[in-house]
């Protein structure tokens, strides 16, 4: 029962951030889901890929090629909307 309460609280927090269009500070790597990735650092380091309007972040240099080989396989993993390019 305690696990359910913790999961519900986590979902409420995540849902709240999404509803308010707030980008999380960390996100799971789509290849190695148990590895958390700092979004700002990964962006600075170019450790991301865009696919169908979503941006996916990687924990290491080995994950990007795996993602790019079959992005549809990882499309349901955590991601953020692809940032709009500045004019």
C-alpha atoms as a PDB file:
ATOM      1  CA  UNK A   1       0.000   0.000   0.000  1.00  0.00           C
ATOM      2  CA  UNK A   2       2.877   2.347   0.807  1.00  0.00           C
ATOM      3  CA  UNK A   3       4.367   1.777  -2.688  1.00  0.00           C
ATOM      4  CA  UNK A   4       1.065   2.746  -4.296  1.00  0.00           C
ATOM      5  CA  UNK A   5       0.972   6.000  -2.325  1.00  0.00           C
ATOM      6  CA  UNK A   6       4.557   6.827  -3.323  1.00  0.00           C
ATOM      7  CA  UNK A   7       3.873   6.070  -6.988  1.00  0.00           C
ATOM      8  CA  UNK A   8       0.664   8.124  -6.917  1.00  0.00           C
ATOM      9  CA  UNK A   9       2.510  11.065  -5.371  1.00  0.00           C
ATOM     10  CA  UNK A  10       5.291  10.836  -7.976  1.00  0.00           C
ATOM     11  CA  UNK A  11       2.750  10.735 -10.806  1.00  0.00           C
ATOM     12  CA  UNK A  12       0.920  13.726  -9.361  1.00  0.00           C
ATOM     13  CA  UNK A  13       4.160  15.714  -9.210  1.00  0.00           C
ATOM     14  CA  UNK A  14       5.153  14.722 -12.765  1.00  0.00           C
ATOM     15  CA  UNK A  15       1.674  15.369 -14.074  1.00  0.00           C
ATOM     16  CA  UNK A  16       1.644  18.766 -12.411  1.00  0.00           C
ATOM     17  CA  UNK A  17       4.933  19.748 -14.076  1.00  0.00           C
ATOM     18  CA  UNK A  18       3.665  18.600 -17.461  1.00  0.00           C
ATOM     19  CA  UNK A  19       0.357  20.403 -17.029  1.00  0.00           C
ATOM     20  CA  UNK A  20       2.231  23.620 -16.241  1.00  0.00           C
ATOM     21  CA  UNK A  21       4.596  23.124 -19.229  1.00  0.00           C
ATOM     22  CA  UNK A  22       7.614  22.908 -16.934  1.00  0.00           C
ATOM     23  CA  UNK A  23      10.579  20.976 -18.246  1.00  0.00           C
ATOM     24  CA  UNK A  24      11.976  18.527 -15.693  1.00  0.00           C
ATOM     25  CA  UNK A  25      15.630  18.916 -14.669  1.00  0.00           C
ATOM     26  CA  UNK A  26      16.374  15.232 -15.173  1.00  0.00           C
ATOM     27  CA  UNK A  27      14.958  12.571 -17.438  1.00  0.00           C
ATOM     28  CA  UNK A  28      15.573   8.872 -17.968  1.00  0.00           C
ATOM     29  CA  UNK A  29      17.844   7.779 -20.802  1.00  0.00           C
ATOM     30  CA  UNK A  30      15.645   5.941 -23.341  1.00  0.00           C
ATOM     31  CA  UNK A  31      18.237   3.191 -23.791  1.00  0.00           C
ATOM     32  CA  UNK A  32      19.337   2.713 -20.174  1.00  0.00           C
ATOM     33  CA  UNK A  33      16.128   3.688 -18.392  1.00  0.00           C
ATOM     34  CA  UNK A  34      17.633   3.390 -14.918  1.00  0.00           C
ATOM     35  CA  UNK A  35      20.152   6.157 -15.741  1.00  0.00           C
ATOM     36  CA  UNK A  36      19.013   9.722 -15.118  1.00  0.00           C
ATOM     37  CA  UNK A  37      20.235  12.475 -17.431  1.00  0.00           C
ATOM     38  CA  UNK A  38      20.567  16.175 -16.578  1.00  0.00           C
ATOM     39  CA  UNK A  39      18.720  17.898 -19.431  1.00  0.00           C
ATOM     40  CA  UNK A  40      20.753  21.121 -19.383  1.00  0.00           C
ATOM     41  CA  UNK A  41      24.095  19.287 -19.425  1.00  0.00           C
ATOM     42  CA  UNK A  42      22.970  16.806 -22.093  1.00  0.00           C
ATOM     43  CA  UNK A  43      21.764  19.669 -24.280  1.00  0.00           C
ATOM     44  CA  UNK A  44      25.061  21.512 -23.863  1.00  0.00           C
ATOM     45  CA  UNK A  45      26.991  18.319 -24.679  1.00  0.00           C
ATOM     46  CA  UNK A  46      24.795  17.422 -27.683  1.00  0.00           C
ATOM     47  CA  UNK A  47      23.671  14.185 -26.023  1.00  0.00           C
ATOM     48  CA  UNK A  48      20.162  14.141 -27.472  1.00  0.00           C
ATOM     49  CA  UNK A  49      18.179  13.253 -30.573  1.00  0.00           C
ATOM     50  CA  UNK A  50      14.895  14.542 -31.927  1.00  0.00           C
ATOM     51  CA  UNK A  51      12.252  12.147 -33.224  1.00  0.00           C
ATOM     52  CA  UNK A  52       8.692  12.955 -34.313  1.00  0.00           C
ATOM     53  CA  UNK A  53       8.507  16.232 -32.396  1.00  0.00           C
ATOM     54  CA  UNK A  54      10.068  14.852 -29.209  1.00  0.00           C
ATOM     55  CA  UNK A  55      13.593  15.196 -27.783  1.00  0.00           C
ATOM     56  CA  UNK A  56      15.306  12.232 -26.121  1.00  0.00           C
ATOM     57  CA  UNK A  57      18.412  12.578 -23.924  1.00  0.00           C
ATOM     58  CA  UNK A  58      21.249  10.078 -23.510  1.00  0.00           C
ATOM     59  CA  UNK A  59      23.421   9.169 -20.553  1.00  0.00           C
ATOM     60  CA  UNK A  60      26.494   8.296 -22.641  1.00  0.00           C
ATOM     61  CA  UNK A  61      27.916   8.305 -26.145  1.00  0.00           C
ATOM     62  CA  UNK A  62      26.930   4.680 -26.720  1.00  0.00           C
ATOM     63  CA  UNK A  63      23.206   5.300 -26.340  1.00  0.00           C
ATOM     64  CA  UNK A  64      22.715   7.767 -29.206  1.00  0.00           C
ATOM     65  CA  UNK A  65      23.692   5.281 -31.970  1.00  0.00           C
ATOM     66  CA  UNK A  66      21.382   2.629 -30.491  1.00  0.00           C
ATOM     67  CA  UNK A  67      18.515   5.126 -30.457  1.00  0.00           C
ATOM     68  CA  UNK A  68      19.208   6.352 -33.987  1.00  0.00           C
ATOM     69  CA  UNK A  69      19.306   2.772 -35.277  1.00  0.00           C
ATOM     70  CA  UNK A  70      15.679   2.152 -34.218  1.00  0.00           C
ATOM     71  CA  UNK A  71      14.069   5.291 -32.724  1.00  0.00           C
ATOM     72  CA  UNK A  72      10.525   3.903 -32.945  1.00  0.00           C
ATOM     73  CA  UNK A  73      11.536   1.198 -30.448  1.00  0.00           C
ATOM     74  CA  UNK A  74      12.248   3.889 -27.837  1.00  0.00           C
ATOM     75  CA  UNK A  75       9.532   6.418 -28.767  1.00  0.00           C
ATOM     76  CA  UNK A  76       7.445   5.659 -25.656  1.00  0.00           C
ATOM     77  CA  UNK A  77      10.319   6.458 -23.301  1.00  0.00           C
ATOM     78  CA  UNK A  78      10.450   9.770 -21.394  1.00  0.00           C
ATOM     79  CA  UNK A  79      11.059  12.807 -23.581  1.00  0.00           C
ATOM     80  CA  UNK A  80      10.223  16.489 -23.888  1.00  0.00           C
ATOM     81  CA  UNK A  81       8.733  18.376 -26.835  1.00  0.00           C
ATOM     82  CA  UNK A  82      11.410  19.346 -29.353  1.00  0.00           C
ATOM     83  CA  UNK A  83      12.312  22.961 -28.548  1.00  0.00           C
ATOM     84  CA  UNK A  84      11.296  25.461 -31.192  1.00  0.00           C
ATOM     85  CA  UNK A  85      14.180  27.032 -33.090  1.00  0.00           C
ATOM     86  CA  UNK A  86      14.719  30.715 -32.475  1.00  0.00           C
ATOM     87  CA  UNK A  87      14.251  32.905 -35.521  1.00  0.00           C
END
